[in-house]
N, C-alpha and C. Protein backbone atom coordinates (compact mmCIF):
# COMPACT_ATOMS: atom_id res chain seq x y z
N MET A 1 73.53 193.02 107.21
CA MET A 1 73.83 191.77 108.24
C MET A 1 74.73 191.61 109.31
N PRO A 2 74.84 191.89 110.53
CA PRO A 2 76.24 191.98 111.10
C PRO A 2 76.44 190.11 111.12
N VAL A 3 77.40 190.03 111.24
CA VAL A 3 77.95 188.39 111.26
C VAL A 3 78.65 188.06 112.47
N ASP A 4 78.89 189.25 113.30
CA ASP A 4 79.75 188.98 114.52
C ASP A 4 80.01 189.70 115.84
N MET A 5 80.02 189.99 116.82
CA MET A 5 80.64 191.20 117.58
C MET A 5 81.33 190.45 118.93
N GLN A 6 81.77 191.64 119.11
CA GLN A 6 82.79 191.89 120.15
C GLN A 6 82.63 192.98 121.09
N VAL A 7 82.68 193.17 122.33
CA VAL A 7 82.97 194.02 123.12
C VAL A 7 84.35 194.35 124.20
N ALA A 8 84.75 195.07 124.10
CA ALA A 8 85.97 195.21 124.74
C ALA A 8 86.15 197.06 125.25
N GLY A 9 86.77 197.37 125.95
CA GLY A 9 87.32 198.46 126.23
C GLY A 9 85.93 199.65 126.31
N GLY A 10 85.17 199.36 126.36
CA GLY A 10 84.00 200.38 126.08
C GLY A 10 83.88 200.62 125.00
N ARG A 11 84.43 199.50 124.03
CA ARG A 11 84.09 199.69 122.95
C ARG A 11 83.42 198.08 122.06
N ILE A 12 82.65 198.49 120.93
CA ILE A 12 82.11 197.01 119.93
C ILE A 12 82.51 196.93 118.63
N ALA A 13 82.77 196.09 118.51
CA ALA A 13 83.59 195.62 117.13
C ALA A 13 82.48 194.65 116.28
N VAL A 14 81.86 195.06 115.37
CA VAL A 14 80.99 194.50 114.61
C VAL A 14 81.77 193.66 113.62
N GLN A 15 81.42 192.40 113.01
CA GLN A 15 82.29 191.87 111.90
C GLN A 15 80.64 191.52 110.58
N PHE A 16 81.06 192.30 109.66
CA PHE A 16 80.26 192.33 108.33
C PHE A 16 81.11 191.75 107.47
N SER A 17 80.03 190.75 106.52
CA SER A 17 80.00 190.17 105.94
C SER A 17 80.24 191.22 104.13
N ASP A 18 81.63 190.98 103.57
CA ASP A 18 81.58 192.22 101.81
C ASP A 18 81.12 191.65 101.18
N ASN A 19 80.91 190.39 100.93
CA ASN A 19 80.25 190.08 99.31
C ASN A 19 78.93 189.44 100.10
N CYS A 20 77.74 188.83 99.85
CA CYS A 20 76.78 188.47 99.77
C CYS A 20 75.92 188.39 98.94
N SER A 21 75.16 187.04 98.16
CA SER A 21 74.56 187.23 97.47
C SER A 21 73.24 185.83 98.13
N ALA A 22 71.90 185.97 97.17
CA ALA A 22 71.29 185.03 97.79
C ALA A 22 71.62 183.62 97.44
N GLY A 23 72.04 182.58 97.92
CA GLY A 23 71.65 181.15 97.34
C GLY A 23 73.98 180.87 97.36
N ASP A 24 74.85 182.24 97.30
CA ASP A 24 76.06 181.68 97.65
C ASP A 24 76.89 181.92 98.79
N PRO A 25 77.61 181.04 98.77
CA PRO A 25 78.49 181.78 100.45
C PRO A 25 79.28 183.30 100.76
N CYS A 26 79.08 183.80 101.54
CA CYS A 26 79.69 185.37 101.85
C CYS A 26 81.55 184.60 102.04
N TYR A 27 81.83 186.35 101.40
CA TYR A 27 83.01 185.90 101.51
C TYR A 27 83.98 187.13 101.65
N GLY A 28 84.49 187.39 102.40
CA GLY A 28 85.77 188.92 102.41
C GLY A 28 84.75 189.18 103.85
N ASN A 29 85.67 189.91 104.91
CA ASN A 29 85.35 191.03 106.02
C ASN A 29 85.39 192.07 106.13
N TYR A 30 84.25 193.42 106.89
CA TYR A 30 85.14 194.34 107.37
C TYR A 30 84.64 194.33 108.38
N PHE A 31 85.28 195.71 109.71
CA PHE A 31 84.29 195.74 110.54
C PHE A 31 84.29 196.98 111.00
N THR A 32 82.99 197.42 111.59
CA THR A 32 83.07 198.47 112.17
C THR A 32 83.13 198.44 113.84
N VAL A 33 83.74 199.61 114.78
CA VAL A 33 84.35 199.97 115.61
C VAL A 33 83.28 200.97 116.02
N ALA A 34 82.16 200.87 116.98
CA ALA A 34 81.66 202.50 117.45
C ALA A 34 82.04 202.01 119.35
N ASP A 35 81.20 203.29 119.39
CA ASP A 35 81.28 203.38 121.50
C ASP A 35 79.78 202.31 121.68
N ALA A 36 80.45 201.63 122.72
CA ALA A 36 79.05 200.62 123.12
C ALA A 36 78.56 201.40 123.75
N GLY A 37 78.26 202.67 124.35
CA GLY A 37 77.41 203.08 125.40
C GLY A 37 76.48 203.97 124.28
N THR A 38 77.08 204.27 123.22
CA THR A 38 76.33 205.43 122.79
C THR A 38 75.97 205.31 120.95
N GLY A 39 76.63 204.26 120.64
CA GLY A 39 76.39 203.70 119.05
C GLY A 39 77.51 204.57 118.32
N LYS A 40 77.66 205.61 118.50
CA LYS A 40 78.79 206.07 117.30
C LYS A 40 79.86 205.49 116.89
N LYS A 41 79.73 205.53 115.88
CA LYS A 41 81.08 205.22 114.61
C LYS A 41 82.41 205.89 115.17
N LEU A 42 83.27 204.93 115.35
CA LEU A 42 84.56 205.17 115.70
C LEU A 42 85.83 204.82 114.15
N ALA A 43 85.20 203.75 114.01
CA ALA A 43 86.18 203.71 112.44
C ALA A 43 85.64 202.60 111.43
N ASP A 44 85.87 202.08 110.17
CA ASP A 44 85.54 200.83 109.56
C ASP A 44 86.92 200.53 108.90
N TYR A 45 87.29 199.14 109.20
CA TYR A 45 88.17 198.60 109.05
C TYR A 45 87.71 197.46 107.65
N VAL A 46 88.53 197.41 106.79
CA VAL A 46 88.42 197.09 105.68
C VAL A 46 89.53 195.68 105.31
N GLY A 47 89.13 193.96 104.87
CA GLY A 47 90.20 193.07 104.09
C GLY A 47 91.43 192.69 105.26
N GLY A 48 92.94 193.02 104.35
CA GLY A 48 93.92 193.01 104.98
C GLY A 48 93.79 190.77 105.39
N ASP A 49 94.32 191.35 106.92
CA ASP A 49 94.94 190.30 107.57
C ASP A 49 93.57 189.73 108.50
N ALA A 50 92.42 190.26 107.96
CA ALA A 50 91.26 190.03 109.16
C ALA A 50 90.04 189.06 107.94
N SER A 51 90.80 188.20 107.02
CA SER A 51 89.34 187.51 106.52
C SER A 51 89.58 186.21 107.40
N GLY A 52 88.47 185.30 108.42
CA GLY A 52 88.39 184.06 108.92
C GLY A 52 87.32 184.47 109.82
N VAL A 53 87.00 183.72 110.95
CA VAL A 53 86.00 184.06 111.56
C VAL A 53 86.24 184.91 113.06
N PHE A 54 85.92 185.57 113.65
CA PHE A 54 86.18 187.10 114.51
C PHE A 54 86.40 185.97 115.52
N ALA A 55 87.06 185.92 116.05
CA ALA A 55 87.28 185.89 117.46
C ALA A 55 87.56 186.00 118.91
N CYS A 56 88.38 187.55 118.54
CA CYS A 56 87.99 188.22 119.62
C CYS A 56 88.51 189.64 119.04
N TYR A 57 87.99 190.58 119.30
CA TYR A 57 88.25 192.06 119.95
C TYR A 57 89.24 192.47 120.65
N SER A 58 89.99 193.87 120.66
CA SER A 58 91.09 194.03 121.83
C SER A 58 90.64 195.81 121.66
N ALA A 59 90.65 196.64 122.42
CA ALA A 59 90.18 197.66 122.64
C ALA A 59 91.59 198.59 122.62
N SER A 60 92.56 197.96 123.45
CA SER A 60 93.39 198.66 123.58
C SER A 60 95.03 197.94 124.15
N PRO A 61 96.01 197.46 123.24
CA PRO A 61 96.15 198.28 121.26
C PRO A 61 95.15 197.66 120.38
N GLU A 62 94.80 198.64 119.82
CA GLU A 62 93.18 198.09 119.55
C GLU A 62 93.53 196.54 118.41
N ARG A 63 92.96 195.77 118.28
CA ARG A 63 93.46 194.76 117.55
C ARG A 63 92.79 193.63 117.21
N PHE A 64 92.15 192.93 116.18
CA PHE A 64 91.02 191.96 115.93
C PHE A 64 91.66 190.38 115.82
N SER A 65 91.88 189.62 116.68
CA SER A 65 92.06 187.84 116.28
C SER A 65 90.86 187.26 115.36
N VAL A 66 91.72 186.46 114.29
CA VAL A 66 90.33 185.67 113.91
C VAL A 66 91.34 183.93 113.33
N LEU A 67 90.02 183.45 113.58
CA LEU A 67 90.62 182.01 113.48
C LEU A 67 90.45 181.46 111.76
N ARG A 68 91.61 181.15 111.54
CA ARG A 68 91.74 180.22 110.00
C ARG A 68 92.44 178.96 110.04
N VAL A 69 91.58 178.43 109.08
CA VAL A 69 91.76 177.09 108.48
C VAL A 69 93.02 176.94 107.55
N SER A 70 94.30 176.39 108.19
CA SER A 70 95.44 176.64 107.19
C SER A 70 95.67 175.91 105.90
N GLN A 71 97.07 175.78 105.65
CA GLN A 71 96.77 175.12 104.00
C GLN A 71 96.97 173.26 104.74
N ASP A 72 97.95 173.03 105.71
CA ASP A 72 97.64 172.12 106.19
C ASP A 72 96.26 171.41 106.55
N HIS A 73 95.00 172.07 106.80
CA HIS A 73 94.18 171.61 107.15
C HIS A 73 93.34 171.67 109.09
N GLY A 74 94.69 172.51 109.56
CA GLY A 74 95.24 172.72 111.32
C GLY A 74 94.24 173.94 110.85
N LEU A 75 94.22 174.63 112.37
CA LEU A 75 93.15 176.15 112.79
C LEU A 75 94.22 176.25 113.28
N SER A 76 94.45 177.79 112.89
CA SER A 76 95.69 179.08 113.40
C SER A 76 94.45 180.02 113.81
N LEU A 77 95.59 181.11 114.73
CA LEU A 77 94.62 182.20 114.99
C LEU A 77 95.73 183.04 114.54
N VAL A 78 95.17 184.24 113.38
CA VAL A 78 95.84 185.74 113.03
C VAL A 78 95.54 186.31 113.86
N GLU A 79 96.27 187.70 114.64
CA GLU A 79 96.08 189.27 114.61
C GLU A 79 96.12 189.85 114.08
N ALA A 80 95.53 190.52 113.82
CA ALA A 80 95.41 191.62 112.90
C ALA A 80 95.20 193.09 113.52
N LYS A 81 96.43 193.74 113.15
CA LYS A 81 96.38 195.21 113.92
C LYS A 81 96.84 196.24 113.04
N VAL A 82 95.37 197.31 113.12
CA VAL A 82 94.80 197.70 112.91
C VAL A 82 96.23 199.30 112.91
N LYS A 83 96.64 199.87 111.23
CA LYS A 83 97.55 200.09 111.02
C LYS A 83 96.92 201.83 110.55
């Protein structure tokens, strides 16, 4: 099941939880990017800096922004670029 999605530049980025089991919280993320018009899958991105709450997707240059809780319990916005 998808967790979240964002659309930009004719593409849709969908966030999925990597590890889920009944009654337990989900952890880990991966993203699938597809053509927003046709639904054709363009790429998959796993792990790395992309853990957190999906905040924004930008198609050009392709990058994901995620919201995290910092060690001092504040919020931080982290940009994960495609390698």
